Amino acid sequence: MATTPLLLLVLLLLPLSQATTFVITNNCSQSIWPASIPYGGGGLELLPSQNWTITTNTTNSTSGIIWARTNCTFDSSGNGTCLSGDCSSALNCTSRPTSPVTVVEYSLYQWGNNDFYDISLTDGFNLPIDITPTGPENCSAVKCTGNISGECLPELRAAGGCKGACDVYKTEEYCCNKTGRCSPTKYSRFFKSLCPNAYSYPLDDPTSTFTCKSDVFERPSRPSSTPPSIKSSFKEFENSLPKSSSLLVFGEPVYDMYDDDDMFLEVLDKPFYDDDQSEPDVQQELFTPSVHNKATNLIVISNKKIAIQDLSNGLDIEASIYFSRMLKETQMLSNNLTVTKGPPTWAKLEMSKIGRQIDIGNNCSHPIWPGSIPYGGGLHLPPSQNWTFTTNTTNSTFGTIWARTNCTFDSSGNGICLSGDCSGALNCTSNPSSPATVVKYSLYQWGNNDFYSINLVNGFNLPVAITPTGPANCSAVACTDNSTEECPSELKSAGGCKSACDVFKTDEYCCNKVGSCSPTKYSRFFKSLCPNACSYPMDNPTSTFTCTSGGDFTVTFCP
């Protein structure tokens, strides 16, 4: 490992058969007190040029953070204080650090068999840092080595480094407590200018999250039917709620999922107000049904008008609740329920509508039969028409979308397609057969991100593009070159260009064993025509694209 004259904390990910190892190296000229949660904790002083090794001790989905403390003093019981990065005055950390501190965040065994890692400056900066994955795959190292402490703005300056603007001002503009409510500021731009690859504020460009194949670390194979995800703040809140469901928060119902937006206005005869009650606000904010059911007795959704007395009977149905401070409405709903004395803290957590909308458009000159699992199923889609469905969840979820061609189905929905067939069914419940161009997505994942990709592992039958829509400026991905016309003769099929795995069924092309395959002439063929698509199971993780969770997606065939 090459060293650098900079003050640098270097982190290396090394392979183990049963877990992941982090080697923390102190390249600084002074002692540091490294900390790591939930693995490692802390508990030691690390002298210059010394290393500290920790392991995650798990092969399941997991996440954590690592940072360095400076200028610490501890007594024999492990109690004391640090000038920067202090964790509740303990030598062995069990809580997050205080600002200023440079933080490394990681999440292992995530969607698509990937690891994610980043450097975060949302809590400020105290030391330069570097994180480098090691293994057979050439994954990106990430550095933050700019002289942030030396150039820190006066209002953020602290004895131990450069504080985060949220820690100094504690306002929504800098803390981003409400989803999608904040933008870059002069402070985040300052951090970004010196460390362009680091997160500079909570809603920074998701390209600051880096990706590496989990298989790089030679871990044992495991089922991948359900993508793991970090436990969300929704779940944490749900577990903290009282067992009784007799709590009613400040709130008023808004329109239901049938879009009958006049129903509850007729019932309550009140407008929707913003937080300070100064003007109407139509934004909807909601939580999962399980959170609703434990938090309130006001669970209402229907395609018909519901009387006031029914609203307080605890209907166990999904709903959207708009949180306001209007005591009048809550008193109207029930006189025997307890009303909280202020807006609950969980009203400030991540919020979005029930589910995410995916719009599929057919720009081809012929009909297609799009398939979508686990949401949507499938149908016949003529040229220039669209099909829209929702995922119906605000929890971690994933799915696959593709188009079938030249299909014939009977009145019972049974039949066959020339390409992309899903067990002979119109309403798909299984993956497509080769050849099929596939779009994959995973929503509400690590770091409040969505991941999406175009996948040619099952071959190619139609050009496709996927475009995120929403407040974040996220990248569209397209595969538009006609792989069918240039398809190698051994992969040619009546419906398109088959995958090499489907034709030869060997580990060289199917990658059945972890780390057992490399690019082939066939994967290079697909990659040459669609460089942003995944061409074989262990393709470069840059073929997976990232977007901050919250928006919808448009998938277009024959774009």
Protein backbone atom coordinates (compact mmCIF):
# COMPACT_ATOMS: atom_id res chain seq x y z
CA MET A 1 0.00 0.00 0.00
CA ALA A 2 1.44 3.35 -1.02
CA THR A 3 1.50 6.05 1.63
CA THR A 4 0.97 9.76 1.20
CA PRO A 5 2.40 12.74 3.04
CA LEU A 6 -1.12 13.98 3.78
CA LEU A 7 -2.76 13.46 7.14
CA LEU A 8 -4.75 10.44 6.09
CA LEU A 9 -6.85 7.73 7.64
CA VAL A 10 -6.77 4.84 5.17
CA LEU A 11 -9.42 2.10 5.25
CA LEU A 12 -8.99 -1.14 3.35
CA LEU A 13 -11.62 -3.82 2.78
CA LEU A 14 -9.91 -7.22 2.77
CA PRO A 15 -11.37 -10.63 1.85
CA LEU A 16 -12.43 -13.18 4.42
CA SER A 17 -14.45 -16.31 3.78
CA GLN A 18 -17.14 -15.53 6.35
CA ALA A 19 -17.17 -11.73 6.81
CA THR A 20 -15.61 -8.45 5.76
CA THR A 21 -12.47 -7.03 7.33
CA PHE A 22 -11.70 -3.34 7.68
CA VAL A 23 -8.08 -2.34 8.29
CA ILE A 24 -7.86 1.17 9.71
CA THR A 25 -4.45 2.79 9.31
CA ASN A 26 -3.26 5.99 10.97
CA ASN A 27 -1.09 7.90 8.49
CA CYS A 28 -1.40 11.06 10.56
CA SER A 29 1.51 12.53 12.49
CA GLN A 30 -0.48 12.39 15.74
CA SER A 31 -2.48 9.75 17.62
CA ILE A 32 -6.11 9.17 16.73
CA TRP A 33 -8.87 7.27 18.51
CA PRO A 34 -10.75 5.43 15.74
CA ALA A 35 -14.37 4.43 16.27
CA SER A 36 -16.70 2.07 14.46
CA ILE A 37 -20.35 1.19 15.02
CA PRO A 38 -21.92 -1.31 15.17
CA TYR A 39 -18.69 -3.33 14.74
CA GLY A 40 -15.55 -2.60 16.70
CA GLY A 41 -16.83 0.24 18.87
CA GLY A 42 -13.50 1.82 19.62
CA GLY A 43 -11.56 1.39 22.75
CA LEU A 44 -8.02 2.15 21.74
CA GLU A 45 -5.53 4.82 20.89
CA LEU A 46 -3.95 4.34 17.48
CA LEU A 47 -0.44 5.71 17.22
CA PRO A 48 1.00 7.03 13.94
CA SER A 49 1.68 4.24 11.39
CA GLN A 50 -0.30 1.69 13.44
CA ASN A 51 -3.25 -0.39 12.20
CA TRP A 52 -6.50 -1.55 13.78
CA THR A 53 -8.45 -4.43 12.21
CA ILE A 54 -12.16 -5.10 12.69
CA THR A 55 -14.55 -7.61 11.08
CA THR A 56 -18.27 -7.41 10.51
CA ASN A 57 -18.83 -11.02 11.64
CA THR A 58 -21.82 -11.47 9.36
CA THR A 59 -22.66 -12.47 5.82
CA ASN A 60 -26.10 -10.84 5.96
CA SER A 61 -27.10 -7.34 4.94
CA THR A 62 -25.40 -4.91 7.30
CA SER A 63 -24.25 -1.31 7.53
CA GLY A 64 -22.04 0.85 9.68
CA ILE A 65 -19.93 3.96 10.06
CA ILE A 66 -16.26 4.59 10.86
CA TRP A 67 -14.57 7.79 12.00
CA ALA A 68 -11.53 9.10 13.88
CA ARG A 69 -11.48 11.10 17.12
CA THR A 70 -8.72 13.56 17.95
CA ASN A 71 -7.11 14.99 21.09
CA CYS A 72 -8.78 12.56 23.47
CA THR A 73 -8.28 12.01 27.20
CA PHE A 74 -9.80 9.00 28.99
CA ASP A 75 -9.58 7.70 32.54
CA SER A 76 -9.07 4.07 33.55
CA SER A 77 -12.83 3.44 33.28
CA GLY A 78 -12.95 4.57 29.66
CA ASN A 79 -14.68 7.88 30.37
CA GLY A 80 -13.33 11.13 28.97
CA THR A 81 -13.61 13.56 26.12
CA CYS A 82 -12.31 14.23 22.60
CA LEU A 83 -11.83 17.51 20.79
CA SER A 84 -13.54 16.15 17.66
CA GLY A 85 -15.66 13.08 16.88
CA ASP A 86 -16.62 12.50 20.52
CA CYS A 87 -19.18 9.72 21.13
CA SER A 88 -20.97 10.44 24.41
CA SER A 89 -17.59 10.80 26.19
CA ALA A 90 -16.91 7.05 25.93
CA LEU A 91 -13.73 5.31 24.82
CA ASN A 92 -15.78 2.42 23.39
CA CYS A 93 -18.33 4.05 21.08
CA THR A 94 -21.94 2.91 20.90
CA SER A 95 -23.41 6.16 19.53
CA ARG A 96 -22.80 8.45 16.58
CA PRO A 97 -20.08 11.11 16.76
CA THR A 98 -20.57 14.81 17.39
CA SER A 99 -19.63 17.44 14.83
CA PRO A 100 -17.01 18.14 13.54
CA VAL A 101 -16.11 14.72 12.16
CA THR A 102 -15.33 13.08 8.80
CA VAL A 103 -17.39 9.88 8.49
CA VAL A 104 -17.09 6.76 6.32
CA GLU A 105 -20.42 4.99 5.72
CA TYR A 106 -20.77 1.48 4.31
CA SER A 107 -23.50 -1.03 3.57
CA LEU A 108 -22.66 -4.63 2.65
CA TYR A 109 -24.58 -7.43 0.85
CA GLN A 110 -27.11 -5.07 -0.69
CA TRP A 111 -29.27 -5.12 -3.82
CA GLY A 112 -27.68 -6.68 -6.87
CA ASN A 113 -25.05 -8.37 -4.67
CA ASN A 114 -23.33 -5.00 -4.21
CA ASP A 115 -21.57 -3.16 -1.41
CA PHE A 116 -22.03 0.61 -1.08
CA TYR A 117 -19.63 3.03 0.58
CA ASP A 118 -19.12 6.77 0.82
CA ILE A 119 -17.39 9.58 2.69
CA SER A 120 -19.85 11.94 4.39
CA LEU A 121 -19.19 15.54 5.41
CA THR A 122 -22.74 16.19 6.62
CA ASP A 123 -21.34 16.20 10.18
CA GLY A 124 -18.43 18.42 9.19
CA PHE A 125 -14.74 17.56 8.84
CA ASN A 126 -11.92 16.76 11.25
CA LEU A 127 -9.38 14.62 9.33
CA PRO A 128 -8.59 13.68 5.71
CA ILE A 129 -9.65 10.14 4.90
CA ASP A 130 -9.46 7.45 2.22
CA ILE A 131 -11.40 4.21 1.73
CA THR A 132 -10.09 1.58 -0.69
CA PRO A 133 -11.77 -1.76 -1.50
CA THR A 134 -9.34 -4.60 -2.17
CA GLY A 135 -9.91 -7.77 -4.17
CA PRO A 136 -9.96 -9.06 -7.75
CA GLU A 137 -12.38 -6.40 -8.99
CA ASN A 138 -11.09 -2.91 -9.72
CA CYS A 139 -13.42 -0.90 -7.48
CA SER A 140 -12.97 2.81 -6.91
CA ALA A 141 -11.07 4.27 -3.98
CA VAL A 142 -12.68 7.38 -2.48
CA LYS A 143 -10.70 10.20 -0.90
CA CYS A 144 -11.34 13.42 0.95
CA THR A 145 -7.95 15.10 1.32
CA GLY A 146 -8.77 18.80 0.83
CA ASN A 147 -7.61 21.32 3.41
CA ILE A 148 -11.08 21.86 4.83
CA SER A 149 -9.97 22.72 8.37
CA GLY A 150 -7.47 25.28 7.07
CA GLU A 151 -9.98 26.95 4.74
CA CYS A 152 -13.08 26.54 6.94
CA LEU A 153 -15.56 29.40 6.92
CA PRO A 154 -15.43 31.43 10.16
CA GLU A 155 -19.00 30.59 11.18
CA LEU A 156 -18.28 26.83 10.94
CA ARG A 157 -14.82 26.87 12.46
CA ALA A 158 -14.31 24.74 15.59
CA ALA A 159 -11.30 23.82 17.69
CA GLY A 160 -11.35 20.28 16.32
CA GLY A 161 -12.09 20.99 12.65
CA CYS A 162 -14.93 22.43 10.55
CA LYS A 163 -18.50 21.89 11.78
CA GLY A 164 -21.51 20.96 9.67
CA ALA A 165 -23.92 23.82 8.94
CA CYS A 166 -26.80 21.81 10.43
CA ASP A 167 -24.95 21.51 13.73
CA VAL A 168 -24.33 25.26 13.81
CA TYR A 169 -27.70 26.63 12.63
CA LYS A 170 -30.08 23.68 13.27
CA THR A 171 -32.51 24.85 10.56
CA GLU A 172 -34.35 22.93 7.86
CA GLU A 173 -32.32 24.70 5.17
CA TYR A 174 -29.19 22.88 6.35
CA CYS A 175 -30.56 19.81 8.18
CA CYS A 176 -33.00 18.54 5.50
CA ASN A 177 -35.38 16.94 7.99
CA LYS A 178 -38.21 17.02 5.45
CA THR A 179 -37.76 14.89 2.35
CA GLY A 180 -36.90 16.93 -0.74
CA ARG A 181 -37.10 20.24 1.14
CA CYS A 182 -33.49 21.45 0.89
CA SER A 183 -30.90 22.27 -1.75
CA PRO A 184 -27.16 22.95 -1.89
CA THR A 185 -26.03 25.95 0.15
CA LYS A 186 -22.82 27.98 0.23
CA TYR A 187 -21.64 25.68 3.04
CA SER A 188 -22.28 22.41 1.18
CA ARG A 189 -20.63 23.92 -1.91
CA PHE A 190 -17.59 24.79 0.20
CA PHE A 191 -17.23 21.15 1.34
CA LYS A 192 -17.93 19.87 -2.19
CA SER A 193 -15.29 22.13 -3.74
CA LEU A 194 -12.57 20.61 -1.57
CA CYS A 195 -13.86 17.01 -1.54
CA PRO A 196 -15.94 16.56 -4.73
CA ASN A 197 -16.51 12.81 -4.18
CA ALA A 198 -17.92 13.19 -0.66
CA TYR A 199 -21.47 13.80 0.52
CA SER A 200 -21.69 17.51 1.38
CA TYR A 201 -25.31 17.63 2.62
CA PRO A 202 -28.04 14.99 3.21
CA LEU A 203 -29.62 15.29 -0.26
CA ASP A 204 -26.37 15.52 -2.20
CA ASP A 205 -25.92 13.90 -5.61
CA PRO A 206 -26.21 10.11 -5.09
CA THR A 207 -23.15 9.62 -7.31
CA SER A 208 -21.22 10.29 -4.10
CA THR A 209 -22.20 6.73 -3.13
CA PHE A 210 -19.73 4.22 -4.59
CA THR A 211 -20.47 0.62 -5.51
CA CYS A 212 -18.45 -2.60 -5.48
CA LYS A 213 -19.57 -6.17 -6.13
CA SER A 214 -19.99 -8.08 -2.88
CA ASP A 215 -18.41 -11.09 -4.59
CA VAL A 216 -15.11 -9.21 -4.60
CA PHE A 217 -14.71 -10.30 -1.01
CA GLU A 218 -15.10 -14.03 -1.73
CA ARG A 219 -18.13 -14.43 0.47
CA PRO A 220 -20.28 -17.54 0.45
CA SER A 221 -23.27 -17.51 -1.86
CA ARG A 222 -26.67 -16.78 -0.36
CA PRO A 223 -30.28 -16.52 -1.55
CA SER A 224 -30.94 -13.32 -3.49
CA SER A 225 -34.70 -13.51 -3.92
CA THR A 226 -35.28 -10.61 -1.54
CA PRO A 227 -32.84 -7.68 -1.58
CA PRO A 228 -31.75 -6.81 1.97
CA SER A 229 -32.06 -3.27 3.19
CA ILE A 230 -31.07 -1.17 6.15
CA LYS A 231 -33.74 -0.87 8.82
CA SER A 232 -35.64 2.32 8.10
CA SER A 233 -36.64 5.09 10.44
CA PHE A 234 -40.24 3.98 9.86
CA LYS A 235 -39.52 0.63 11.51
CA GLU A 236 -37.66 2.26 14.37
CA PHE A 237 -40.60 4.55 14.99
CA GLU A 238 -43.08 1.70 14.76
CA ASN A 239 -41.20 -0.27 17.40
CA SER A 240 -41.13 2.75 19.71
CA LEU A 241 -44.89 3.33 19.65
CA PRO A 242 -47.02 2.36 22.65
CA LYS A 243 -48.86 -0.95 22.46
CA SER A 244 -52.22 0.81 22.70
CA SER A 245 -53.72 2.19 19.52
CA SER A 246 -55.66 4.90 21.38
CA LEU A 247 -53.22 7.67 20.49
CA LEU A 248 -54.45 10.28 18.04
CA VAL A 249 -51.86 12.67 16.65
CA PHE A 250 -52.54 16.09 15.21
CA GLY A 251 -53.83 15.28 11.80
CA GLU A 252 -56.58 15.41 9.28
CA PRO A 253 -57.43 12.89 6.57
CA VAL A 254 -56.74 13.70 2.94
CA TYR A 255 -57.78 11.98 -0.27
CA ASP A 256 -57.66 8.23 -0.55
CA MET A 257 -55.90 6.02 -3.07
CA TYR A 258 -58.98 6.10 -5.30
CA ASP A 259 -58.26 9.81 -5.85
CA ASP A 260 -61.63 10.88 -4.45
CA ASP A 261 -60.10 14.12 -3.24
CA ASP A 262 -63.44 15.73 -2.38
CA MET A 263 -64.60 13.02 0.01
CA PHE A 264 -62.87 14.13 3.17
CA LEU A 265 -63.25 17.81 2.39
CA GLU A 266 -66.99 17.17 2.37
CA VAL A 267 -66.72 15.32 5.67
CA LEU A 268 -64.60 17.86 7.52
CA ASP A 269 -65.31 20.96 5.43
CA LYS A 270 -61.80 22.21 6.10
CA PRO A 271 -58.84 23.00 3.81
CA PHE A 272 -55.40 21.47 4.15
CA TYR A 273 -53.02 23.81 5.97
CA ASP A 274 -49.26 24.14 6.10
CA ASP A 275 -47.24 23.79 9.32
CA ASP A 276 -47.80 27.37 10.51
CA GLN A 277 -51.50 27.30 9.52
CA SER A 278 -51.06 30.35 7.28
CA GLU A 279 -52.23 28.95 3.95
CA PRO A 280 -53.56 25.76 2.33
CA ASP A 281 -50.98 23.14 1.44
CA VAL A 282 -51.90 20.13 -0.72
CA GLN A 283 -48.77 18.07 -0.07
CA GLN A 284 -49.58 14.57 1.19
CA GLU A 285 -47.44 12.98 3.85
CA LEU A 286 -47.97 9.40 4.92
CA PHE A 287 -46.53 6.31 6.52
CA THR A 288 -46.83 2.57 6.12
CA PRO A 289 -50.14 0.97 7.16
CA SER A 290 -48.50 -0.75 10.13
CA VAL A 291 -47.29 2.60 11.44
CA HIS A 292 -50.71 4.15 10.88
CA ASN A 293 -52.45 1.34 12.71
CA LYS A 294 -50.24 1.68 15.78
CA ALA A 295 -50.15 5.47 15.79
CA THR A 296 -53.78 6.41 15.36
CA ASN A 297 -57.34 5.17 15.29
CA LEU A 298 -57.86 7.32 12.22
CA ILE A 299 -57.25 4.77 9.47
CA VAL A 300 -59.63 5.58 6.65
CA ILE A 301 -59.82 4.74 2.98
CA SER A 302 -62.84 4.04 0.83
CA ASN A 303 -64.42 4.83 -2.50
CA LYS A 304 -67.54 6.11 -0.75
CA LYS A 305 -68.24 8.84 1.77
CA ILE A 306 -67.56 7.89 5.40
CA ALA A 307 -69.41 9.56 8.23
CA ILE A 308 -67.56 11.27 11.08
CA GLN A 309 -68.58 8.61 13.60
CA ASP A 310 -67.03 5.91 11.41
CA LEU A 311 -63.67 7.63 11.34
CA SER A 312 -63.11 7.07 15.05
CA ASN A 313 -63.93 3.36 14.96
CA GLY A 314 -60.44 2.31 13.95
CA LEU A 315 -60.96 1.08 10.40
CA ASP A 316 -57.99 -1.15 9.69
CA ILE A 317 -57.37 0.01 6.13
CA GLU A 318 -54.55 1.90 4.44
CA ALA A 319 -54.75 5.67 4.48
CA SER A 320 -52.82 8.85 3.92
CA ILE A 321 -52.73 11.31 6.80
CA TYR A 322 -51.75 14.95 6.52
CA PHE A 323 -50.19 16.08 9.81
CA SER A 324 -51.18 19.57 10.91
CA ARG A 325 -51.74 21.38 14.18
CA MET A 326 -55.47 21.72 13.88
CA LEU A 327 -56.89 20.57 17.18
CA LYS A 328 -60.41 21.37 16.05
CA GLU A 329 -60.57 18.56 13.49
CA THR A 330 -59.11 15.95 15.81
CA GLN A 331 -61.57 16.86 18.54
CA MET A 332 -64.39 16.51 16.02
CA LEU A 333 -63.36 12.97 15.23
CA SER A 334 -63.49 11.59 18.74
CA ASN A 335 -63.98 13.04 22.20
CA ASN A 336 -62.54 10.02 24.01
CA LEU A 337 -59.18 9.75 22.25
CA THR A 338 -56.04 11.36 23.60
CA VAL A 339 -54.72 14.20 21.46
CA THR A 340 -50.98 14.86 21.48
CA LYS A 341 -49.76 18.32 22.46
CA GLY A 342 -47.73 19.02 19.36
CA PRO A 343 -46.76 17.68 15.99
CA PRO A 344 -45.14 14.26 16.57
CA THR A 345 -41.46 13.93 15.77
CA TRP A 346 -42.19 11.11 13.34
CA ALA A 347 -44.09 13.56 11.13
CA LYS A 348 -40.66 14.90 10.18
CA LEU A 349 -39.34 11.58 8.92
CA GLU A 350 -39.19 10.53 5.28
CA MET A 351 -42.57 10.88 3.62
CA SER A 352 -44.00 9.99 0.22
CA LYS A 353 -47.19 8.81 -1.39
CA ILE A 354 -48.26 5.18 -1.10
CA GLY A 355 -46.03 3.37 -3.54
CA ARG A 356 -44.09 4.57 -6.56
CA GLN A 357 -45.50 5.03 -10.03
CA ILE A 358 -43.91 3.30 -13.01
CA ASP A 359 -45.08 4.34 -16.47
CA ILE A 360 -44.34 1.99 -19.38
CA GLY A 361 -44.57 3.42 -22.89
CA ASN A 362 -44.61 1.58 -26.21
CA ASN A 363 -42.78 3.61 -28.86
CA CYS A 364 -42.41 0.57 -31.11
CA SER A 365 -44.25 0.29 -34.42
CA HIS A 366 -45.90 -2.93 -33.25
CA PRO A 367 -47.73 -4.14 -30.14
CA ILE A 368 -45.78 -5.38 -27.13
CA TRP A 369 -46.86 -7.33 -24.07
CA PRO A 370 -44.94 -5.75 -21.17
CA GLY A 371 -44.27 -7.96 -18.16
CA SER A 372 -43.59 -6.70 -14.64
CA ILE A 373 -42.95 -8.64 -11.43
CA PRO A 374 -43.85 -8.47 -8.60
CA TYR A 375 -46.02 -5.43 -9.48
CA GLY A 376 -48.27 -5.13 -12.52
CA GLY A 377 -48.14 -8.59 -14.08
CA GLY A 378 -48.67 -7.95 -17.78
CA LEU A 379 -50.99 -6.91 -20.60
CA HIS A 380 -51.25 -6.11 -24.32
CA LEU A 381 -49.93 -2.62 -25.16
CA PRO A 382 -50.54 -1.24 -28.68
CA PRO A 383 -48.12 1.28 -30.27
CA SER A 384 -48.06 4.82 -28.75
CA GLN A 385 -49.92 3.69 -25.63
CA ASN A 386 -48.84 3.69 -21.99
CA TRP A 387 -49.40 1.42 -19.01
CA THR A 388 -49.02 2.81 -15.49
CA PHE A 389 -48.91 0.90 -12.20
CA THR A 390 -47.68 1.53 -8.66
CA THR A 391 -45.52 -0.52 -6.33
CA ASN A 392 -48.03 -0.05 -3.46
CA THR A 393 -45.37 0.05 -0.75
CA THR A 394 -43.07 2.51 0.98
CA ASN A 395 -40.78 -0.27 2.21
CA SER A 396 -37.69 -1.67 0.54
CA THR A 397 -38.76 -3.44 -2.65
CA PHE A 398 -37.44 -4.52 -6.03
CA GLY A 399 -38.73 -5.64 -9.39
CA THR A 400 -38.16 -6.54 -13.04
CA ILE A 401 -39.74 -5.10 -16.20
CA TRP A 402 -39.44 -6.35 -19.79
CA ALA A 403 -41.40 -6.48 -23.05
CA ARG A 404 -42.70 -9.60 -24.80
CA THR A 405 -43.14 -9.74 -28.57
CA ASN A 406 -45.34 -11.64 -31.04
CA CYS A 407 -47.67 -13.07 -28.39
CA THR A 408 -50.89 -15.03 -28.72
CA PHE A 409 -53.18 -15.60 -25.72
CA ASP A 410 -56.58 -17.23 -25.30
CA SER A 411 -59.48 -15.83 -23.28
CA SER A 412 -58.05 -17.41 -20.12
CA GLY A 413 -54.73 -15.58 -20.47
CA ASN A 414 -52.76 -18.62 -21.57
CA GLY A 415 -50.54 -18.57 -24.64
CA ILE A 416 -47.01 -18.04 -25.91
CA CYS A 417 -44.64 -15.22 -26.91
CA LEU A 418 -41.76 -15.30 -29.38
CA SER A 419 -39.50 -13.47 -26.90
CA GLY A 420 -39.69 -12.70 -23.18
CA ASP A 421 -42.27 -15.40 -22.49
CA CYS A 422 -43.16 -15.91 -18.80
CA SER A 423 -44.35 -19.51 -18.46
CA GLY A 424 -47.05 -19.00 -21.11
CA ALA A 425 -49.07 -16.54 -19.01
CA LEU A 426 -50.44 -13.12 -19.94
CA ASN A 427 -50.20 -12.01 -16.30
CA CYS A 428 -46.56 -12.68 -15.45
CA THR A 429 -45.51 -14.09 -12.08
CA SER A 430 -42.11 -15.45 -13.16
CA ASN A 431 -38.98 -14.11 -14.87
CA PRO A 432 -38.81 -14.01 -18.67
CA SER A 433 -37.15 -16.57 -20.88
CA SER A 434 -34.24 -15.55 -23.11
CA PRO A 435 -34.06 -13.45 -25.21
CA ALA A 436 -35.36 -10.44 -23.26
CA THR A 437 -34.03 -6.96 -22.52
CA VAL A 438 -34.68 -6.44 -18.80
CA VAL A 439 -35.02 -3.36 -16.59
CA LYS A 440 -34.27 -3.96 -12.90
CA TYR A 441 -35.03 -1.60 -10.02
CA SER A 442 -34.73 -1.57 -6.25
CA LEU A 443 -36.46 1.15 -4.21
CA TYR A 444 -35.94 2.58 -0.71
CA GLN A 445 -32.47 1.13 -0.33
CA TRP A 446 -29.34 2.13 1.57
CA GLY A 447 -28.83 5.85 2.04
CA ASN A 448 -32.45 6.56 0.98
CA ASN A 449 -31.54 5.67 -2.60
CA ASP A 450 -33.14 3.84 -5.50
CA PHE A 451 -31.05 1.63 -7.79
CA TYR A 452 -31.91 0.80 -11.39
CA SER A 453 -30.24 -0.81 -14.40
CA ILE A 454 -30.72 -2.28 -17.86
CA ASN A 455 -29.74 -5.92 -17.90
CA LEU A 456 -28.67 -7.97 -20.95
CA VAL A 457 -27.84 -11.09 -18.94
CA ASN A 458 -31.00 -12.63 -20.48
CA GLY A 459 -30.10 -11.42 -23.96
CA PHE A 460 -31.79 -8.71 -26.03
CA ASN A 461 -35.13 -8.43 -27.78
CA LEU A 462 -36.06 -4.71 -27.81
CA PRO A 463 -34.35 -1.36 -27.21
CA VAL A 464 -35.33 0.24 -23.89
CA ALA A 465 -34.74 3.33 -21.76
CA ILE A 466 -35.48 4.05 -18.10
CA THR A 467 -35.85 7.63 -16.90
CA PRO A 468 -36.29 8.68 -13.25
CA THR A 469 -38.75 11.53 -12.73
CA GLY A 470 -38.85 13.74 -9.67
CA PRO A 471 -36.97 16.56 -7.92
CA ALA A 472 -33.54 14.89 -8.13
CA ASN A 473 -31.60 15.27 -11.38
CA CYS A 474 -30.94 11.56 -11.92
CA SER A 475 -29.49 9.89 -14.99
CA ALA A 476 -31.57 8.25 -17.68
CA VAL A 477 -30.21 4.93 -18.96
CA ALA A 478 -30.79 3.60 -22.47
CA CYS A 479 -29.92 0.58 -24.60
CA THR A 480 -30.94 1.57 -28.10
CA ASP A 481 -28.52 -0.13 -30.52
CA ASN A 482 -30.06 -3.04 -32.38
CA SER A 483 -28.24 -6.03 -30.91
CA THR A 484 -30.57 -8.33 -32.86
CA GLU A 485 -29.21 -7.35 -36.27
CA GLU A 486 -25.56 -7.73 -35.25
CA CYS A 487 -26.08 -10.77 -33.04
CA PRO A 488 -23.42 -13.53 -33.29
CA SER A 489 -24.84 -16.43 -35.24
CA GLU A 490 -24.61 -18.85 -32.29
CA LEU A 491 -26.82 -16.53 -30.18
CA LYS A 492 -29.35 -15.63 -32.88
CA SER A 493 -32.97 -16.40 -32.10
CA ALA A 494 -36.25 -15.74 -33.88
CA GLY A 495 -37.19 -13.28 -31.14
CA GLY A 496 -33.85 -11.50 -30.71
CA CYS A 497 -30.34 -12.28 -29.46
CA LYS A 498 -30.07 -14.93 -26.75
CA SER A 499 -27.68 -14.86 -23.82
CA ALA A 500 -24.56 -17.03 -23.89
CA CYS A 501 -25.64 -18.64 -20.61
CA ASP A 502 -28.95 -19.73 -22.11
CA VAL A 503 -27.21 -21.18 -25.18
CA PHE A 504 -24.14 -22.87 -23.65
CA LYS A 505 -25.27 -23.33 -19.99
CA THR A 506 -21.68 -23.39 -18.65
CA ASP A 507 -20.22 -21.62 -15.64
CA GLU A 508 -18.01 -19.54 -17.94
CA TYR A 509 -21.13 -17.70 -19.10
CA CYS A 510 -23.60 -18.31 -16.25
CA CYS A 511 -21.30 -17.38 -13.32
CA ASN A 512 -22.91 -19.93 -11.00
CA LYS A 513 -19.90 -19.93 -8.70
CA VAL A 514 -18.93 -16.77 -6.83
CA GLY A 515 -16.11 -14.97 -8.61
CA SER A 516 -15.86 -17.73 -11.21
CA CYS A 517 -16.31 -15.82 -14.46
CA SER A 518 -14.94 -12.89 -16.42
CA PRO A 519 -16.00 -10.95 -19.53
CA THR A 520 -16.30 -13.10 -22.66
CA LYS A 521 -16.55 -12.27 -26.35
CA TYR A 522 -20.32 -12.45 -25.98
CA SER A 523 -20.56 -10.07 -23.02
CA ARG A 524 -18.17 -7.71 -24.85
CA PHE A 525 -20.49 -7.81 -27.87
CA PHE A 526 -23.46 -6.69 -25.75
CA LYS A 527 -21.31 -4.11 -23.94
CA SER A 528 -20.04 -2.62 -27.19
CA LEU A 529 -23.59 -1.86 -28.30
CA CYS A 530 -25.02 -0.88 -24.89
CA PRO A 531 -22.10 0.31 -22.72
CA ASN A 532 -24.35 1.38 -19.81
CA ALA A 533 -26.10 -1.99 -19.54
CA CYS A 534 -25.09 -4.98 -17.43
CA SER A 535 -23.70 -7.52 -19.92
CA TYR A 536 -22.97 -10.51 -17.65
CA PRO A 537 -23.67 -11.36 -13.97
CA MET A 538 -20.41 -9.91 -12.64
CA ASP A 539 -20.28 -6.85 -14.86
CA ASN A 540 -18.86 -3.55 -13.61
CA PRO A 541 -21.15 -2.14 -10.86
CA THR A 542 -21.16 1.23 -12.64
CA SER A 543 -23.92 -0.32 -14.76
CA THR A 544 -26.13 0.13 -11.68
CA PHE A 545 -27.46 3.70 -11.46
CA THR A 546 -28.53 5.55 -8.32
CA CYS A 547 -31.21 8.13 -7.53
CA THR A 548 -32.48 9.60 -4.27
CA SER A 549 -35.70 7.79 -3.30
CA GLY A 550 -38.98 9.62 -3.84
CA GLY A 551 -39.52 10.01 -7.58
CA ASP A 552 -41.22 7.81 -10.17
CA PHE A 553 -39.86 6.04 -13.26
CA THR A 554 -40.69 5.99 -16.96
CA VAL A 555 -39.71 2.90 -18.97
CA THR A 556 -39.88 3.30 -22.76
CA PHE A 557 -39.52 0.48 -25.26
CA CYS A 558 -38.15 1.45 -28.70
CA PRO A 559 -37.17 4.93 -27.40
